[in-house]
Protein backbone atom coordinates (compact mmCIF):
# COMPACT_ATOMS: atom_id res chain seq x y z
CA MET A 1 61.07 47.90 -36.43
CA ASN A 2 62.35 46.70 -33.08
CA SER A 3 59.20 47.83 -31.36
CA ILE A 4 57.09 45.91 -33.95
CA LYS A 5 59.11 42.75 -33.33
CA ILE A 6 58.79 43.12 -29.61
CA ARG A 7 54.97 43.48 -29.92
CA ARG A 8 54.75 40.40 -32.13
CA THR A 9 56.89 38.38 -29.70
CA ALA A 10 54.65 39.46 -26.79
CA ILE A 11 51.49 38.42 -28.62
CA ALA A 12 52.98 35.03 -29.50
CA VAL A 13 54.03 34.46 -25.92
CA ALA A 14 50.57 35.44 -24.66
CA ALA A 15 48.87 33.07 -27.10
CA ALA A 16 51.18 30.24 -26.09
CA VAL A 17 50.43 30.80 -22.42
CA ALA A 18 46.68 31.09 -23.00
CA LEU A 19 46.41 27.93 -25.14
CA PRO A 20 46.92 25.34 -22.33
CA PHE A 21 44.36 27.09 -20.15
CA SER A 22 41.87 27.08 -23.02
CA LEU A 23 42.40 23.35 -23.60
CA ALA A 24 42.12 22.57 -19.92
CA ALA A 25 38.83 24.45 -19.75
CA CYS A 26 37.45 22.47 -22.63
CA SER A 27 38.61 19.27 -21.03
CA ASP A 28 36.97 20.20 -17.68
CA SER A 29 33.71 20.99 -19.47
CA GLY A 30 33.70 17.53 -21.09
CA ASN A 31 34.32 15.88 -17.73
CA ASP A 32 31.44 17.79 -16.20
CA THR A 33 29.13 16.47 -18.91
CA LYS A 34 30.31 12.93 -18.32
CA ALA A 35 29.93 13.31 -14.56
CA ALA A 36 26.39 14.64 -14.98
CA ALA A 37 25.30 11.57 -16.94
CA PRO A 38 25.85 8.95 -14.14
CA ALA A 39 24.03 11.29 -11.72
CA ALA A 40 21.03 11.43 -14.06
CA GLU A 41 21.19 7.66 -14.51
CA ALA A 42 21.22 7.19 -10.70
CA THR A 43 18.17 9.42 -10.36
CA GLU A 44 16.31 7.45 -13.05
CA ALA A 45 17.35 4.16 -11.39
CA SER A 46 15.78 5.23 -8.08
CA THR A 47 12.36 5.83 -9.65
CA PRO A 48 11.16 2.16 -9.76
CA SER A 49 12.03 1.73 -6.12
CA GLU A 50 9.99 4.81 -5.17
CA ALA A 51 7.06 3.54 -7.25
CA ALA A 52 7.22 0.14 -5.55
CA THR A 53 7.00 1.82 -2.17
CA THR A 54 4.05 3.84 -3.22
CA ASP A 55 2.27 0.79 -4.66
CA ASP A 56 2.62 -0.99 -1.27
CA GLN A 57 0.61 1.63 0.62
CA PRO A 58 -3.04 1.47 1.66
CA PHE A 59 -5.47 2.76 -1.03
CA GLY A 60 -9.10 3.67 -1.45
CA PRO A 61 -11.53 6.49 -0.52
CA ALA A 62 -12.23 5.22 3.02
CA CYS A 63 -8.51 5.32 3.92
CA ALA A 64 -8.91 9.07 4.51
CA GLY A 65 -11.09 8.32 7.58
CA VAL A 66 -8.39 6.21 9.30
CA PRO A 67 -6.80 8.06 12.22
CA LYS A 68 -3.51 9.74 11.30
CA GLU A 69 -1.73 8.64 14.47
CA GLY A 70 -2.11 6.36 17.46
CA ALA A 71 -3.11 2.69 17.68
CA GLY A 72 -5.87 3.09 15.07
CA SER A 73 -3.57 4.57 12.43
CA PHE A 74 -2.03 2.55 9.64
CA GLU A 75 1.29 2.56 11.49
CA GLY A 76 -0.38 1.56 14.73
CA MET A 77 -2.44 -1.19 13.19
CA ALA A 78 0.71 -2.67 11.63
CA GLN A 79 2.03 -3.36 15.16
CA ASP A 80 -0.94 -5.38 16.37
CA PRO A 81 -2.61 -8.72 15.38
CA VAL A 82 -5.65 -8.22 13.23
CA ALA A 83 -8.49 -8.45 15.78
CA THR A 84 -6.68 -6.04 18.13
CA ALA A 85 -5.82 -3.75 15.24
CA ALA A 86 -9.50 -3.68 14.10
CA SER A 87 -10.61 -2.85 17.60
CA ASN A 88 -8.61 0.39 17.39
CA ASN A 89 -10.23 1.47 14.10
CA PRO A 90 -13.54 3.31 14.77
CA ALA A 91 -14.90 2.35 11.31
CA LEU A 92 -14.82 -1.34 12.27
CA SER A 93 -16.51 -1.26 15.69
CA THR A 94 -19.53 -3.37 14.57
CA LEU A 95 -17.17 -6.02 13.09
CA VAL A 96 -15.21 -6.10 16.36
CA THR A 97 -18.45 -6.58 18.34
CA ALA A 98 -19.39 -9.49 16.07
CA VAL A 99 -15.93 -11.08 16.36
CA LYS A 100 -16.14 -10.92 20.14
CA GLN A 101 -19.66 -12.32 20.11
CA ALA A 102 -18.50 -15.25 17.99
CA GLY A 103 -15.50 -15.84 20.22
CA LEU A 104 -13.07 -15.40 17.35
CA VAL A 105 -10.66 -12.84 18.81
CA ASP A 106 -7.97 -15.32 19.74
CA THR A 107 -8.50 -17.33 16.52
CA LEU A 108 -7.83 -14.26 14.36
CA ASN A 109 -5.04 -12.86 16.50
CA THR A 110 -3.04 -16.07 16.56
CA ALA A 111 -3.54 -17.03 12.89
CA GLU A 112 -0.53 -16.54 10.65
CA ASN A 113 -0.42 -14.86 7.25
CA ILE A 114 -4.19 -14.36 6.62
CA THR A 115 -6.26 -11.90 4.68
CA VAL A 116 -9.40 -10.33 6.21
CA PHE A 117 -12.14 -8.66 4.22
CA ALA A 118 -13.42 -6.37 6.98
CA PRO A 119 -16.92 -4.88 6.54
CA THR A 120 -17.34 -1.29 7.73
CA ASN A 121 -20.02 -0.16 10.20
CA GLU A 122 -21.96 1.09 7.15
CA ALA A 123 -21.76 -2.40 5.62
CA PHE A 124 -23.45 -3.89 8.63
CA ALA A 125 -25.98 -1.10 8.65
CA LYS A 126 -27.21 -2.29 5.24
CA ILE A 127 -28.57 -5.40 7.02
CA PRO A 128 -32.08 -4.78 8.58
CA LYS A 129 -31.62 -4.39 12.32
CA ALA A 130 -33.84 -7.30 13.22
CA ASP A 131 -31.88 -9.61 10.95
CA LEU A 132 -28.56 -8.39 12.27
CA ASP A 133 -29.64 -8.82 15.86
CA LYS A 134 -30.75 -12.36 15.04
CA VAL A 135 -27.40 -13.20 13.47
CA LEU A 136 -25.46 -11.66 16.38
CA ALA A 137 -27.45 -13.87 18.76
CA ASP A 138 -26.72 -17.03 16.74
CA LYS A 139 -23.06 -17.90 17.38
CA ALA A 140 -22.92 -20.73 14.81
CA THR A 141 -24.33 -18.61 11.96
CA LEU A 142 -22.23 -15.60 13.02
CA THR A 143 -19.09 -17.73 12.98
CA LYS A 144 -19.81 -18.98 9.47
CA ILE A 145 -20.31 -15.47 8.20
CA LEU A 146 -17.25 -14.03 9.86
CA THR A 147 -14.88 -16.89 8.85
CA TYR A 148 -16.17 -16.49 5.27
CA HIS A 149 -14.43 -13.07 5.34
CA VAL A 150 -11.03 -14.67 6.07
CA VAL A 151 -8.60 -16.28 3.60
CA GLY A 152 -5.69 -18.36 4.86
CA GLN A 153 -2.97 -16.49 3.00
CA LYS A 154 -1.84 -12.88 2.64
CA LEU A 155 -3.25 -11.57 -0.60
CA THR A 156 -1.65 -8.71 -2.53
CA PRO A 157 -3.73 -6.28 -4.59
CA GLU A 158 -2.36 -7.90 -7.75
CA GLN A 159 -3.75 -11.22 -6.67
CA LEU A 160 -7.24 -9.68 -6.32
CA GLY A 161 -7.23 -8.82 -10.07
CA ASN A 162 -8.98 -11.98 -11.02
CA GLY A 163 -8.91 -14.39 -8.13
CA SER A 164 -10.76 -17.25 -6.45
CA PHE A 165 -9.86 -18.12 -2.89
CA GLU A 166 -10.98 -20.60 -0.24
CA THR A 167 -12.07 -19.02 3.07
CA LEU A 168 -11.70 -20.36 6.61
CA GLN A 169 -15.39 -21.19 6.39
CA LYS A 170 -14.44 -23.49 3.46
CA GLY A 171 -16.52 -21.52 0.95
CA MET A 172 -15.05 -19.64 -2.02
CA ILE A 173 -14.89 -15.97 -2.69
CA THR A 174 -14.03 -14.31 -5.98
CA THR A 175 -12.30 -11.01 -6.58
CA LYS A 176 -11.72 -8.84 -9.62
CA GLY A 177 -10.47 -5.38 -10.52
CA SER A 178 -7.24 -3.44 -10.96
CA GLY A 179 -5.35 -0.42 -9.71
CA GLU A 180 -7.35 0.85 -6.73
CA ASP A 181 -10.72 -0.55 -7.82
CA TYR A 182 -11.55 -4.06 -6.54
CA THR A 183 -14.79 -5.95 -5.97
CA VAL A 184 -15.45 -9.11 -3.93
CA ASN A 185 -18.17 -11.56 -5.05
CA ASP A 186 -19.39 -8.88 -7.51
CA VAL A 187 -21.20 -7.08 -4.65
CA SER A 188 -18.73 -5.69 -2.12
CA LYS A 189 -16.32 -2.90 -2.98
CA VAL A 190 -12.93 -2.52 -1.39
CA VAL A 191 -12.99 0.97 0.09
CA CYS A 192 -9.62 0.88 1.84
CA GLY A 193 -7.26 -1.84 0.77
CA ASN A 194 -3.78 -3.21 1.53
CA VAL A 195 -3.94 -2.35 5.23
CA LYS A 196 -1.21 -4.20 7.09
CA THR A 197 -1.43 -5.70 10.56
CA ALA A 198 1.07 -7.87 12.37
CA ASN A 199 -0.38 -11.09 10.94
CA ALA A 200 -2.78 -10.11 8.19
CA ASN A 201 -3.49 -8.04 5.14
CA VAL A 202 -6.84 -6.28 5.54
CA TYR A 203 -9.22 -5.07 2.81
CA ILE A 204 -12.02 -2.96 4.21
CA VAL A 205 -15.22 -3.54 2.25
CA ASP A 206 -18.58 -1.80 1.99
CA THR A 207 -20.88 -4.86 2.06
CA VAL A 208 -21.08 -7.91 4.38
CA LEU A 209 -20.27 -11.10 2.43
CA MET A 210 -22.67 -13.98 2.78
CA PRO A 211 -21.47 -17.56 2.41
CA LYS A 212 -22.68 -19.21 -0.82
């Protein structure tokens, strides 16, 4: 009988000792769950910021041809005023030649907060050579065409969705589109958009715009 009582007493003592540890474990488990929730919320909260950063990057198929490093890269172009930045991008060499021919390098480099719709070499190649040579030799006409590609404010992609803007040439251009697909004057496609320079936003286009 004594041995049975001793065993029962030992079991009761063991259970009493084990109970606080069991309750503590349950309590810790609940705290872990509560701690995990804010962490998850913090992760979710960071998502919009990451999306906003991504949305602010250059976009379009021709962006792949921009040098990855050096003065002609996106990072390099962001350090220079727009005419200088364009001169470091191989895809814009014909435009740079035209800007120099028109004497607009200083005008573009010293302008503040502008948008440039920059035709690629291929865009200029669409113009018959005889006609292009004639335009390049006519400073007044060349200046009108080039300043028609410049808007006196920095335009975001969202503003291009359905926009109408006065150019430095005093004519109007229209834009439409969404996402990464934008068209200027219904004829010229943006092939690499939202490129930043020190004083301008640049949208590289596949067709030279002609003043209306």
